[in-house]
Amino acid sequence: MIASILVVVFGFTTYGAFSIGSSPLSEVKIPMSIFGTATGILSVVGFLPDVFIHTWYGGMIDAQGTAAFNMIFGFEIMFGIIGCFCLVMLLRTVKKHFGSTAQAEEA
């Protein structure tokens, strides 16, 4: 029962995060003329892992049995760390870019 609840909560959180995926596009001032294209690219990149990850992990489990779960969780941790790193770099870039823009507008 607890595992079922956790799957639902994590699934809701994951797909809830995807649903607000276009929010950063408006924050970085993507022009409305290419907003649809940018959203499409963001969706392709965001959902690309869903295309192959289940087959990849399933193949690992078929080949190695339960020993594959350590590798699978390791990959998930690695992907999470890479995602956090990319987020920090994006925030630094946005702050640097829009911080200088705001200062130029005030002057």
PDB file of N, CA and C in Angstrom:
ATOM      1  N   MET A   1       0.828  -1.192   0.000  1.00  0.00           N
ATOM      2  CA  MET A   1       0.000   0.000   0.000  1.00  0.00           C
ATOM      3  C   MET A   1       0.878   1.264   0.000  1.00  0.00           C
ATOM      4  N   ILE A   2       1.920   1.250   0.816  1.00  0.00           N
ATOM      5  CA  ILE A   2       2.814   2.407   0.884  1.00  0.00           C
ATOM      6  C   ILE A   2       3.519   2.617  -0.452  1.00  0.00           C
ATOM      7  N   ALA A   3       3.965   1.510  -1.070  1.00  0.00           N
ATOM      8  CA  ALA A   3       4.636   1.616  -2.366  1.00  0.00           C
ATOM      9  C   ALA A   3       3.695   2.198  -3.415  1.00  0.00           C
ATOM     10  N   SER A   4       2.430   1.794  -3.396  1.00  0.00           N
ATOM     11  CA  SER A   4       1.459   2.324  -4.352  1.00  0.00           C
ATOM     12  C   SER A   4       1.257   3.823  -4.159  1.00  0.00           C
ATOM     13  N   ILE A   5       1.175   4.239  -2.926  1.00  0.00           N
ATOM     14  CA  ILE A   5       1.007   5.671  -2.631  1.00  0.00           C
ATOM     15  C   ILE A   5       2.230   6.450  -3.102  1.00  0.00           C
ATOM     16  N   LEU A   6       3.432   5.909  -2.849  1.00  0.00           N
ATOM     17  CA  LEU A   6       4.652   6.592  -3.278  1.00  0.00           C
ATOM     18  C   LEU A   6       4.734   6.705  -4.798  1.00  0.00           C
ATOM     19  N   VAL A   7       4.331   5.660  -5.514  1.00  0.00           N
ATOM     20  CA  VAL A   7       4.337   5.708  -6.976  1.00  0.00           C
ATOM     21  C   VAL A   7       3.406   6.807  -7.473  1.00  0.00           C
ATOM     22  N   VAL A   8       2.224   6.911  -6.894  1.00  0.00           N
ATOM     23  CA  VAL A   8       1.275   7.936  -7.303  1.00  0.00           C
ATOM     24  C   VAL A   8       1.815   9.327  -6.981  1.00  0.00           C
ATOM     25  N   VAL A   9       2.362   9.506  -5.789  1.00  0.00           N
ATOM     26  CA  VAL A   9       2.885  10.817  -5.389  1.00  0.00           C
ATOM     27  C   VAL A   9       4.055  11.225  -6.275  1.00  0.00           C
ATOM     28  N   PHE A  10       5.001  10.314  -6.505  1.00  0.00           N
ATOM     29  CA  PHE A  10       6.148  10.644  -7.338  1.00  0.00           C
ATOM     30  C   PHE A  10       5.735  10.875  -8.791  1.00  0.00           C
ATOM     31  N   GLY A  11       4.800  10.084  -9.285  1.00  0.00           N
ATOM     32  CA  GLY A  11       4.295  10.285 -10.642  1.00  0.00           C
ATOM     33  C   GLY A  11       3.603  11.629 -10.791  1.00  0.00           C
ATOM     34  N   PHE A  12       2.791  11.982  -9.811  1.00  0.00           N
ATOM     35  CA  PHE A  12       2.106  13.273  -9.825  1.00  0.00           C
ATOM     36  C   PHE A  12       3.117  14.412  -9.819  1.00  0.00           C
ATOM     37  N   THR A  13       4.140  14.284  -8.990  1.00  0.00           N
ATOM     38  CA  THR A  13       5.166  15.321  -8.898  1.00  0.00           C
ATOM     39  C   THR A  13       5.937  15.441 -10.204  1.00  0.00           C
ATOM     40  N   THR A  14       6.322  14.307 -10.775  1.00  0.00           N
ATOM     41  CA  THR A  14       7.096  14.323 -12.015  1.00  0.00           C
ATOM     42  C   THR A  14       6.305  14.946 -13.155  1.00  0.00           C
ATOM     43  N   TYR A  15       5.098  14.498 -13.386  1.00  0.00           N
ATOM     44  CA  TYR A  15       4.313  15.025 -14.490  1.00  0.00           C
ATOM     45  C   TYR A  15       3.764  16.411 -14.184  1.00  0.00           C
ATOM     46  N   GLY A  16       3.639  16.744 -12.914  1.00  0.00           N
ATOM     47  CA  GLY A  16       3.287  18.116 -12.552  1.00  0.00           C
ATOM     48  C   GLY A  16       4.394  19.080 -12.916  1.00  0.00           C
ATOM     49  N   ALA A  17       5.645  18.624 -12.735  1.00  0.00           N
ATOM     50  CA  ALA A  17       6.787  19.456 -13.119  1.00  0.00           C
ATOM     51  C   ALA A  17       6.833  19.645 -14.632  1.00  0.00           C
ATOM     52  N   PHE A  18       6.499  18.612 -15.398  1.00  0.00           N
ATOM     53  CA  PHE A  18       6.463  18.746 -16.854  1.00  0.00           C
ATOM     54  C   PHE A  18       5.376  19.722 -17.291  1.00  0.00           C
ATOM     55  N   SER A  19       4.283  19.787 -16.539  1.00  0.00           N
ATOM     56  CA  SER A  19       3.181  20.648 -16.955  1.00  0.00           C
ATOM     57  C   SER A  19       3.525  22.129 -16.824  1.00  0.00           C
ATOM     58  N   ILE A  20       4.482  22.464 -15.985  1.00  0.00           N
ATOM     59  CA  ILE A  20       4.885  23.865 -15.868  1.00  0.00           C
ATOM     60  C   ILE A  20       6.165  24.125 -16.647  1.00  0.00           C
ATOM     61  N   GLY A  21       6.465  23.249 -17.597  1.00  0.00           N
ATOM     62  CA  GLY A  21       7.701  23.353 -18.370  1.00  0.00           C
ATOM     63  C   GLY A  21       7.812  24.597 -19.218  1.00  0.00           C
ATOM     64  N   SER A  22       6.706  25.182 -19.625  1.00  0.00           N
ATOM     65  CA  SER A  22       6.796  26.378 -20.458  1.00  0.00           C
ATOM     66  C   SER A  22       6.973  27.641 -19.635  1.00  0.00           C
ATOM     67  N   SER A  23       6.874  27.559 -18.343  1.00  0.00           N
ATOM     68  CA  SER A  23       7.051  28.730 -17.493  1.00  0.00           C
ATOM     69  C   SER A  23       8.432  29.368 -17.645  1.00  0.00           C
ATOM     70  N   PRO A  24       9.518  28.586 -17.657  1.00  0.00           N
ATOM     71  CA  PRO A  24      10.830  29.224 -17.840  1.00  0.00           C
ATOM     72  C   PRO A  24      10.970  29.927 -19.189  1.00  0.00           C
ATOM     73  N   LEU A  25      10.235  29.455 -20.189  1.00  0.00           N
ATOM     74  CA  LEU A  25      10.317  30.097 -21.500  1.00  0.00           C
ATOM     75  C   LEU A  25       9.843  31.542 -21.435  1.00  0.00           C
ATOM     76  N   SER A  26       8.803  31.802 -20.692  1.00  0.00           N
ATOM     77  CA  SER A  26       8.325  33.181 -20.578  1.00  0.00           C
ATOM     78  C   SER A  26       9.243  34.006 -19.683  1.00  0.00           C
ATOM     79  N   GLU A  27       9.887  33.366 -18.713  1.00  0.00           N
ATOM     80  CA  GLU A  27      10.787  34.090 -17.818  1.00  0.00           C
ATOM     81  C   GLU A  27      12.057  34.539 -18.525  1.00  0.00           C
ATOM     82  N   VAL A  28      12.506  33.782 -19.519  1.00  0.00           N
ATOM     83  CA  VAL A  28      13.714  34.165 -20.254  1.00  0.00           C
ATOM     84  C   VAL A  28      13.374  34.945 -21.515  1.00  0.00           C
ATOM     85  N   LYS A  29      12.139  35.415 -21.591  1.00  0.00           N
ATOM     86  CA  LYS A  29      11.692  36.312 -22.648  1.00  0.00           C
ATOM     87  C   LYS A  29      11.816  35.725 -24.051  1.00  0.00           C
ATOM     88  N   ILE A  30      11.370  34.476 -24.214  1.00  0.00           N
ATOM     89  CA  ILE A  30      11.296  33.876 -25.547  1.00  0.00           C
ATOM     90  C   ILE A  30      10.218  34.630 -26.328  1.00  0.00           C
ATOM     91  N   PRO A  31      10.519  35.099 -27.522  1.00  0.00           N
ATOM     92  CA  PRO A  31       9.512  35.841 -28.300  1.00  0.00           C
ATOM     93  C   PRO A  31       8.291  34.972 -28.600  1.00  0.00           C
ATOM     94  N   MET A  32       7.135  35.583 -28.589  1.00  0.00           N
ATOM     95  CA  MET A  32       5.895  34.842 -28.831  1.00  0.00           C
ATOM     96  C   MET A  32       5.868  34.240 -30.235  1.00  0.00           C
ATOM     97  N   SER A  33       6.617  34.797 -31.159  1.00  0.00           N
ATOM     98  CA  SER A  33       6.613  34.263 -32.521  1.00  0.00           C
ATOM     99  C   SER A  33       7.255  32.883 -32.603  1.00  0.00           C
ATOM    100  N   ILE A  34       8.126  32.540 -31.654  1.00  0.00           N
ATOM    101  CA  ILE A  34       8.749  31.206 -31.659  1.00  0.00           C
ATOM    102  C   ILE A  34       8.437  30.432 -30.380  1.00  0.00           C
ATOM    103  N   PHE A  35       7.481  30.921 -29.595  1.00  0.00           N
ATOM    104  CA  PHE A  35       7.150  30.276 -28.324  1.00  0.00           C
ATOM    105  C   PHE A  35       6.660  28.849 -28.530  1.00  0.00           C
ATOM    106  N   GLY A  36       5.841  28.625 -29.532  1.00  0.00           N
ATOM    107  CA  GLY A  36       5.328  27.280 -29.817  1.00  0.00           C
ATOM    108  C   GLY A  36       6.440  26.322 -30.202  1.00  0.00           C
ATOM    109  N   THR A  37       7.361  26.785 -31.018  1.00  0.00           N
ATOM    110  CA  THR A  37       8.503  25.955 -31.408  1.00  0.00           C
ATOM    111  C   THR A  37       9.370  25.634 -30.199  1.00  0.00           C
ATOM    112  N   ALA A  38       9.627  26.637 -29.370  1.00  0.00           N
ATOM    113  CA  ALA A  38      10.440  26.422 -28.177  1.00  0.00           C
ATOM    114  C   ALA A  38       9.762  25.439 -27.216  1.00  0.00           C
ATOM    115  N   THR A  39       8.441  25.535 -27.080  1.00  0.00           N
ATOM    116  CA  THR A  39       7.710  24.602 -26.231  1.00  0.00           C
ATOM    117  C   THR A  39       7.783  23.193 -26.791  1.00  0.00           C
ATOM    118  N   GLY A  40       7.699  23.053 -28.107  1.00  0.00           N
ATOM    119  CA  GLY A  40       7.811  21.742 -28.744  1.00  0.00           C
ATOM    120  C   GLY A  40       9.175  21.121 -28.517  1.00  0.00           C
ATOM    121  N   ILE A  41      10.227  21.918 -28.672  1.00  0.00           N
ATOM    122  CA  ILE A  41      11.580  21.415 -28.433  1.00  0.00           C
ATOM    123  C   ILE A  41      11.740  21.016 -26.979  1.00  0.00           C
ATOM    124  N   LEU A  42      11.223  21.841 -26.069  1.00  0.00           N
ATOM    125  CA  LEU A  42      11.282  21.522 -24.638  1.00  0.00           C
ATOM    126  C   LEU A  42      10.552  20.215 -24.344  1.00  0.00           C
ATOM    127  N   SER A  43       9.421  19.995 -24.982  1.00  0.00           N
ATOM    128  CA  SER A  43       8.673  18.751 -24.777  1.00  0.00           C
ATOM    129  C   SER A  43       9.431  17.544 -25.312  1.00  0.00           C
ATOM    130  N   VAL A  44      10.045  17.691 -26.481  1.00  0.00           N
ATOM    131  CA  VAL A  44      10.815  16.577 -27.038  1.00  0.00           C
ATOM    132  C   VAL A  44      11.970  16.223 -26.112  1.00  0.00           C
ATOM    133  N   VAL A  45      12.701  17.223 -25.668  1.00  0.00           N
ATOM    134  CA  VAL A  45      13.831  16.974 -24.773  1.00  0.00           C
ATOM    135  C   VAL A  45      13.346  16.411 -23.434  1.00  0.00           C
ATOM    136  N   GLY A  46      12.260  16.963 -22.922  1.00  0.00           N
ATOM    137  CA  GLY A  46      11.742  16.525 -21.631  1.00  0.00           C
ATOM    138  C   GLY A  46      11.212  15.107 -21.621  1.00  0.00           C
ATOM    139  N   PHE A  47      10.570  14.697 -22.710  1.00  0.00           N
ATOM    140  CA  PHE A  47       9.984  13.360 -22.766  1.00  0.00           C
ATOM    141  C   PHE A  47      10.855  12.341 -23.486  1.00  0.00           C
ATOM    142  N   LEU A  48      12.007  12.734 -23.995  1.00  0.00           N
ATOM    143  CA  LEU A  48      12.895  11.819 -24.698  1.00  0.00           C
ATOM    144  C   LEU A  48      13.306  10.616 -23.847  1.00  0.00           C
ATOM    145  N   PRO A  49      13.611  10.790 -22.565  1.00  0.00           N
ATOM    146  CA  PRO A  49      13.964   9.607 -21.776  1.00  0.00           C
ATOM    147  C   PRO A  49      12.854   8.561 -21.695  1.00  0.00           C
ATOM    148  N   ASP A  50      11.614   8.986 -21.781  1.00  0.00           N
ATOM    149  CA  ASP A  50      10.505   8.034 -21.736  1.00  0.00           C
ATOM    150  C   ASP A  50      10.502   7.102 -22.938  1.00  0.00           C
ATOM    151  N   VAL A  51      11.181   7.491 -24.012  1.00  0.00           N
ATOM    152  CA  VAL A  51      11.216   6.672 -25.216  1.00  0.00           C
ATOM    153  C   VAL A  51      12.069   5.430 -25.003  1.00  0.00           C
ATOM    154  N   PHE A  52      13.195   5.564 -24.317  1.00  0.00           N
ATOM    155  CA  PHE A  52      14.142   4.450 -24.240  1.00  0.00           C
ATOM    156  C   PHE A  52      14.446   3.945 -22.834  1.00  0.00           C
ATOM    157  N   ILE A  53      14.152   4.701 -21.812  1.00  0.00           N
ATOM    158  CA  ILE A  53      14.619   4.342 -20.472  1.00  0.00           C
ATOM    159  C   ILE A  53      14.003   3.033 -19.968  1.00  0.00           C
ATOM    160  N   HIS A  54      12.732   2.797 -20.271  1.00  0.00           N
ATOM    161  CA  HIS A  54      12.087   1.576 -19.782  1.00  0.00           C
ATOM    162  C   HIS A  54      12.654   0.335 -20.469  1.00  0.00           C
ATOM    163  N   THR A  55      12.915   0.449 -21.762  1.00  0.00           N
ATOM    164  CA  THR A  55      13.517  -0.668 -22.488  1.00  0.00           C
ATOM    165  C   THR A  55      14.934  -0.924 -21.988  1.00  0.00           C
ATOM    166  N   TRP A  56      15.679   0.128 -21.773  1.00  0.00           N
ATOM    167  CA  TRP A  56      17.054   0.013 -21.290  1.00  0.00           C
ATOM    168  C   TRP A  56      17.093  -0.634 -19.906  1.00  0.00           C
ATOM    169  N   TYR A  57      16.284  -0.104 -18.989  1.00  0.00           N
ATOM    170  CA  TYR A  57      16.258  -0.667 -17.637  1.00  0.00           C
ATOM    171  C   TYR A  57      15.720  -2.096 -17.645  1.00  0.00           C
ATOM    172  N   GLY A  58      14.705  -2.371 -18.468  1.00  0.00           N
ATOM    173  CA  GLY A  58      14.177  -3.728 -18.573  1.00  0.00           C
ATOM    174  C   GLY A  58      15.220  -4.708 -19.073  1.00  0.00           C
ATOM    175  N   GLY A  59      16.006  -4.294 -20.067  1.00  0.00           N
ATOM    176  CA  GLY A  59      17.091  -5.132 -20.556  1.00  0.00           C
ATOM    177  C   GLY A  59      18.135  -5.402 -19.485  1.00  0.00           C
ATOM    178  N   MET A  60      18.424  -4.386 -18.674  1.00  0.00           N
ATOM    179  CA  MET A  60      19.376  -4.572 -17.575  1.00  0.00           C
ATOM    180  C   MET A  60      18.839  -5.580 -16.557  1.00  0.00           C
ATOM    181  N   ILE A  61      17.564  -5.468 -16.237  1.00  0.00           N
ATOM    182  CA  ILE A  61      16.965  -6.385 -15.261  1.00  0.00           C
ATOM    183  C   ILE A  61      16.918  -7.799 -15.822  1.00  0.00           C
ATOM    184  N   ASP A  62      16.585  -7.944 -17.101  1.00  0.00           N
ATOM    185  CA  ASP A  62      16.574  -9.274 -17.716  1.00  0.00           C
ATOM    186  C   ASP A  62      17.961  -9.907 -17.701  1.00  0.00           C
ATOM    187  N   ALA A  63      18.983  -9.114 -17.941  1.00  0.00           N
ATOM    188  CA  ALA A  63      20.348  -9.649 -18.024  1.00  0.00           C
ATOM    189  C   ALA A  63      20.962  -9.916 -16.648  1.00  0.00           C
ATOM    190  N   GLN A  64      20.678  -9.058 -15.667  1.00  0.00           N
ATOM    191  CA  GLN A  64      21.377  -9.150 -14.389  1.00  0.00           C
ATOM    192  C   GLN A  64      20.475  -9.518 -13.213  1.00  0.00           C
ATOM    193  N   GLY A  65      19.193  -9.559 -13.420  1.00  0.00           N
ATOM    194  CA  GLY A  65      18.278  -9.853 -12.316  1.00  0.00           C
ATOM    195  C   GLY A  65      18.206  -8.678 -11.346  1.00  0.00           C
ATOM    196  N   THR A  66      18.039  -8.983 -10.079  1.00  0.00           N
ATOM    197  CA  THR A  66      17.876  -7.918  -9.083  1.00  0.00           C
ATOM    198  C   THR A  66      19.148  -7.116  -8.855  1.00  0.00           C
ATOM    199  N   ALA A  67      20.293  -7.632  -9.291  1.00  0.00           N
ATOM    200  CA  ALA A  67      21.547  -6.879  -9.161  1.00  0.00           C
ATOM    201  C   ALA A  67      21.521  -5.609 -10.010  1.00  0.00           C
ATOM    202  N   ALA A  68      20.678  -5.567 -11.006  1.00  0.00           N
ATOM    203  CA  ALA A  68      20.595  -4.391 -11.883  1.00  0.00           C
ATOM    204  C   ALA A  68      20.011  -3.183 -11.168  1.00  0.00           C
ATOM    205  N   PHE A  69      19.260  -3.409 -10.096  1.00  0.00           N
ATOM    206  CA  PHE A  69      18.626  -2.279  -9.421  1.00  0.00           C
ATOM    207  C   PHE A  69      19.642  -1.313  -8.834  1.00  0.00           C
ATOM    208  N   ASN A  70      20.787  -1.812  -8.380  1.00  0.00           N
ATOM    209  CA  ASN A  70      21.826  -0.908  -7.888  1.00  0.00           C
ATOM    210  C   ASN A  70      22.315   0.010  -9.002  1.00  0.00           C
ATOM    211  N   MET A  71      22.501  -0.545 -10.187  1.00  0.00           N
ATOM    212  CA  MET A  71      22.916   0.288 -11.324  1.00  0.00           C
ATOM    213  C   MET A  71      21.818   1.259 -11.730  1.00  0.00           C
ATOM    214  N   ILE A  72      20.583   0.795 -11.724  1.00  0.00           N
ATOM    215  CA  ILE A  72      19.468   1.654 -12.111  1.00  0.00           C
ATOM    216  C   ILE A  72      19.359   2.845 -11.159  1.00  0.00           C
ATOM    217  N   PHE A  73      19.418   2.592  -9.861  1.00  0.00           N
ATOM    218  CA  PHE A  73      19.343   3.692  -8.897  1.00  0.00           C
ATOM    219  C   PHE A  73      20.568   4.593  -9.012  1.00  0.00           C
ATOM    220  N   GLY A  74      21.712   4.012  -9.324  1.00  0.00           N
ATOM    221  CA  GLY A  74      22.902   4.823  -9.551  1.00  0.00           C
ATOM    222  C   GLY A  74      22.736   5.757 -10.731  1.00  0.00           C
ATOM    223  N   PHE A  75      22.163   5.233 -11.830  1.00  0.00           N
ATOM    224  CA  PHE A  75      21.900   6.076 -12.992  1.00  0.00           C
ATOM    225  C   PHE A  75      20.916   7.186 -12.645  1.00  0.00           C
ATOM    226  N   GLU A  76      19.878   6.855 -11.885  1.00  0.00           N
ATOM    227  CA  GLU A  76      18.890   7.870 -11.520  1.00  0.00           C
ATOM    228  C   GLU A  76      19.515   8.967 -10.665  1.00  0.00           C
ATOM    229  N   ILE A  77      20.370   8.586  -9.735  1.00  0.00           N
ATOM    230  CA  ILE A  77      21.067   9.577  -8.910  1.00  0.00           C
ATOM    231  C   ILE A  77      21.969  10.446  -9.785  1.00  0.00           C
ATOM    232  N   MET A  78      22.690   9.806 -10.714  1.00  0.00           N
ATOM    233  CA  MET A  78      23.561  10.550 -11.623  1.00  0.00           C
ATOM    234  C   MET A  78      22.745  11.542 -12.465  1.00  0.00           C
ATOM    235  N   PHE A  79      21.614  11.085 -13.018  1.00  0.00           N
ATOM    236  CA  PHE A  79      20.781  11.980 -13.820  1.00  0.00           C
ATOM    237  C   PHE A  79      20.247  13.136 -12.966  1.00  0.00           C
ATOM    238  N   GLY A  80      19.904  12.857 -11.713  1.00  0.00           N
ATOM    239  CA  GLY A  80      19.441  13.914 -10.812  1.00  0.00           C
ATOM    240  C   GLY A  80      20.518  14.950 -10.537  1.00  0.00           C
ATOM    241  N   ILE A  81      21.747  14.491 -10.334  1.00  0.00           N
ATOM    242  CA  ILE A  81      22.860  15.405 -10.090  1.00  0.00           C
ATOM    243  C   ILE A  81      23.144  16.248 -11.331  1.00  0.00           C
ATOM    244  N   ILE A  82      23.122  15.612 -12.503  1.00  0.00           N
ATOM    245  CA  ILE A  82      23.327  16.353 -13.755  1.00  0.00           C
ATOM    246  C   ILE A  82      22.221  17.397 -13.930  1.00  0.00           C
ATOM    247  N   GLY A  83      20.979  17.022 -13.623  1.00  0.00           N
ATOM    248  CA  GLY A  83      19.866  17.967 -13.724  1.00  0.00           C
ATOM    249  C   GLY A  83      20.021  19.145 -12.776  1.00  0.00           C
ATOM    250  N   CYS A  84      20.457  18.880 -11.541  1.00  0.00           N
ATOM    251  CA  CYS A  84      20.680  19.970 -10.578  1.00  0.00           C
ATOM    252  C   CYS A  84      21.808  20.885 -11.043  1.00  0.00           C
ATOM    253  N   PHE A  85      22.864  20.300 -11.591  1.00  0.00           N
ATOM    254  CA  PHE A  85      23.972  21.101 -12.110  1.00  0.00           C
ATOM    255  C   PHE A  85      23.493  22.004 -13.252  1.00  0.00           C
ATOM    256  N   CYS A  86      22.713  21.434 -14.178  1.00  0.00           N
ATOM    257  CA  CYS A  86      22.193  22.230 -15.290  1.00  0.00           C
ATOM    258  C   CYS A  86      21.284  23.344 -14.791  1.00  0.00           C
ATOM    259  N   LEU A  87      20.491  23.063 -13.773  1.00  0.00           N
ATOM    260  CA  LEU A  87      19.610  24.075 -13.199  1.00  0.00           C
ATOM    261  C   LEU A  87      20.412  25.219 -12.605  1.00  0.00           C
ATOM    262  N   VAL A  88      21.446  24.886 -11.831  1.00  0.00           N
ATOM    263  CA  VAL A  88      22.277  25.924 -11.225  1.00  0.00           C
ATOM    264  C   VAL A  88      22.939  26.776 -12.305  1.00  0.00           C
ATOM    265  N   MET A  89      23.456  26.125 -13.348  1.00  0.00           N
ATOM    266  CA  MET A  89      24.097  26.875 -14.432  1.00  0.00           C
ATOM    267  C   MET A  89      23.089  27.772 -15.151  1.00  0.00           C
ATOM    268  N   LEU A  90      21.880  27.269 -15.376  1.00  0.00           N
ATOM    269  CA  LEU A  90      20.844  28.075 -16.017  1.00  0.00           C
ATOM    270  C   LEU A  90      20.470  29.272 -15.154  1.00  0.00           C
ATOM    271  N   LEU A  91      20.308  29.053 -13.850  1.00  0.00           N
ATOM    272  CA  LEU A  91      19.961  30.153 -12.955  1.00  0.00           C
ATOM    273  C   LEU A  91      21.061  31.210 -12.919  1.00  0.00           C
ATOM    274  N   ARG A  92      22.315  30.766 -12.925  1.00  0.00           N
ATOM    275  CA  ARG A  92      23.428  31.726 -12.956  1.00  0.00           C
ATOM    276  C   ARG A  92      23.404  32.540 -14.245  1.00  0.00           C
ATOM    277  N   THR A  93      23.150  31.870 -15.362  1.00  0.00           N
ATOM    278  CA  THR A  93      23.121  32.561 -16.645  1.00  0.00           C
ATOM    279  C   THR A  93      21.965  33.551 -16.705  1.00  0.00           C
ATOM    280  N   VAL A  94      20.789  33.134 -16.266  1.00  0.00           N
ATOM    281  CA  VAL A  94      19.618  34.025 -16.285  1.00  0.00           C
ATOM    282  C   VAL A  94      19.854  35.209 -15.365  1.00  0.00           C
ATOM    283  N   LYS A  95      20.375  34.955 -14.177  1.00  0.00           N
ATOM    284  CA  LYS A  95      20.624  36.052 -13.228  1.00  0.00           C
ATOM    285  C   LYS A  95      21.660  37.022 -13.794  1.00  0.00           C
ATOM    286  N   LYS A  96      22.708  36.493 -14.397  1.00  0.00           N
ATOM    287  CA  LYS A  96      23.751  37.341 -14.978  1.00  0.00           C
ATOM    288  C   LYS A  96      23.193  38.169 -16.139  1.00  0.00           C
ATOM    289  N   HIS A  97      22.418  37.497 -17.016  1.00  0.00           N
ATOM    290  CA  HIS A  97      21.890  38.183 -18.187  1.00  0.00           C
ATOM    291  C   HIS A  97      20.841  39.221 -17.814  1.00  0.00           C
ATOM    292  N   PHE A  98      19.867  38.828 -17.022  1.00  0.00           N
ATOM    293  CA  PHE A  98      18.782  39.743 -16.696  1.00  0.00           C
ATOM    294  C   PHE A  98      19.178  40.731 -15.621  1.00  0.00           C
ATOM    295  N   GLY A  99      20.173  40.388 -14.809  1.00  0.00           N
ATOM    296  CA  GLY A  99      20.689  41.359 -13.837  1.00  0.00           C
ATOM    297  C   GLY A  99      21.337  42.527 -14.549  1.00  0.00           C
ATOM    298  N   SER A 100      22.132  42.244 -15.592  1.00  0.00           N
ATOM    299  CA  SER A 100      22.783  43.319 -16.355  1.00  0.00           C
ATOM    300  C   SER A 100      21.752  44.090 -17.175  1.00  0.00           C
ATOM    301  N   THR A 101      20.713  43.440 -17.650  1.00  0.00           N
ATOM    302  CA  THR A 101      19.663  44.111 -18.406  1.00  0.00           C
ATOM    303  C   THR A 101      18.887  45.073 -17.508  1.00  0.00           C
ATOM    304  N   ALA A 102      18.578  44.624 -16.301  1.00  0.00           N
ATOM    305  CA  ALA A 102      17.843  45.482 -15.360  1.00  0.00           C
ATOM    306  C   ALA A 102      18.675  46.691 -14.965  1.00  0.00           C
ATOM    307  N   GLN A 103      19.972  46.513 -14.774  1.00  0.00           N
ATOM    308  CA  GLN A 103      20.846  47.630 -14.419  1.00  0.00           C
ATOM    309  C   GLN A 103      20.940  48.617 -15.582  1.00  0.00           C
ATOM    310  N   ALA A 104      20.979  48.099 -16.807  1.00  0.00           N
ATOM    311  CA  ALA A 104      21.055  48.984 -17.976  1.00  0.00           C
ATOM    312  C   ALA A 104      19.770  49.782 -18.137  1.00  0.00           C
ATOM    313  N   GLU A 105      18.627  49.169 -17.828  1.00  0.00           N
ATOM    314  CA  GLU A 105      17.351  49.869 -17.939  1.00  0.00           C
ATOM    315  C   GLU A 105      17.227  50.962 -16.886  1.00  0.00           C
ATOM    316  N   GLU A 106      17.774  50.700 -15.681  1.00  0.00           N
ATOM    317  CA  GLU A 106      17.701  51.692 -14.613  1.00  0.00           C
ATOM    318  C   GLU A 106      18.594  52.889 -14.914  1.00  0.00           C
ATOM    319  N   ALA A 107      19.673  52.644 -15.599  1.00  0.00           N
ATOM    320  CA  ALA A 107      20.634  53.743 -15.895  1.00  0.00           C
ATOM    321  C   ALA A 107      20.126  54.600 -17.006  1.00  0.00           C
TER     322      ALA A 107
END
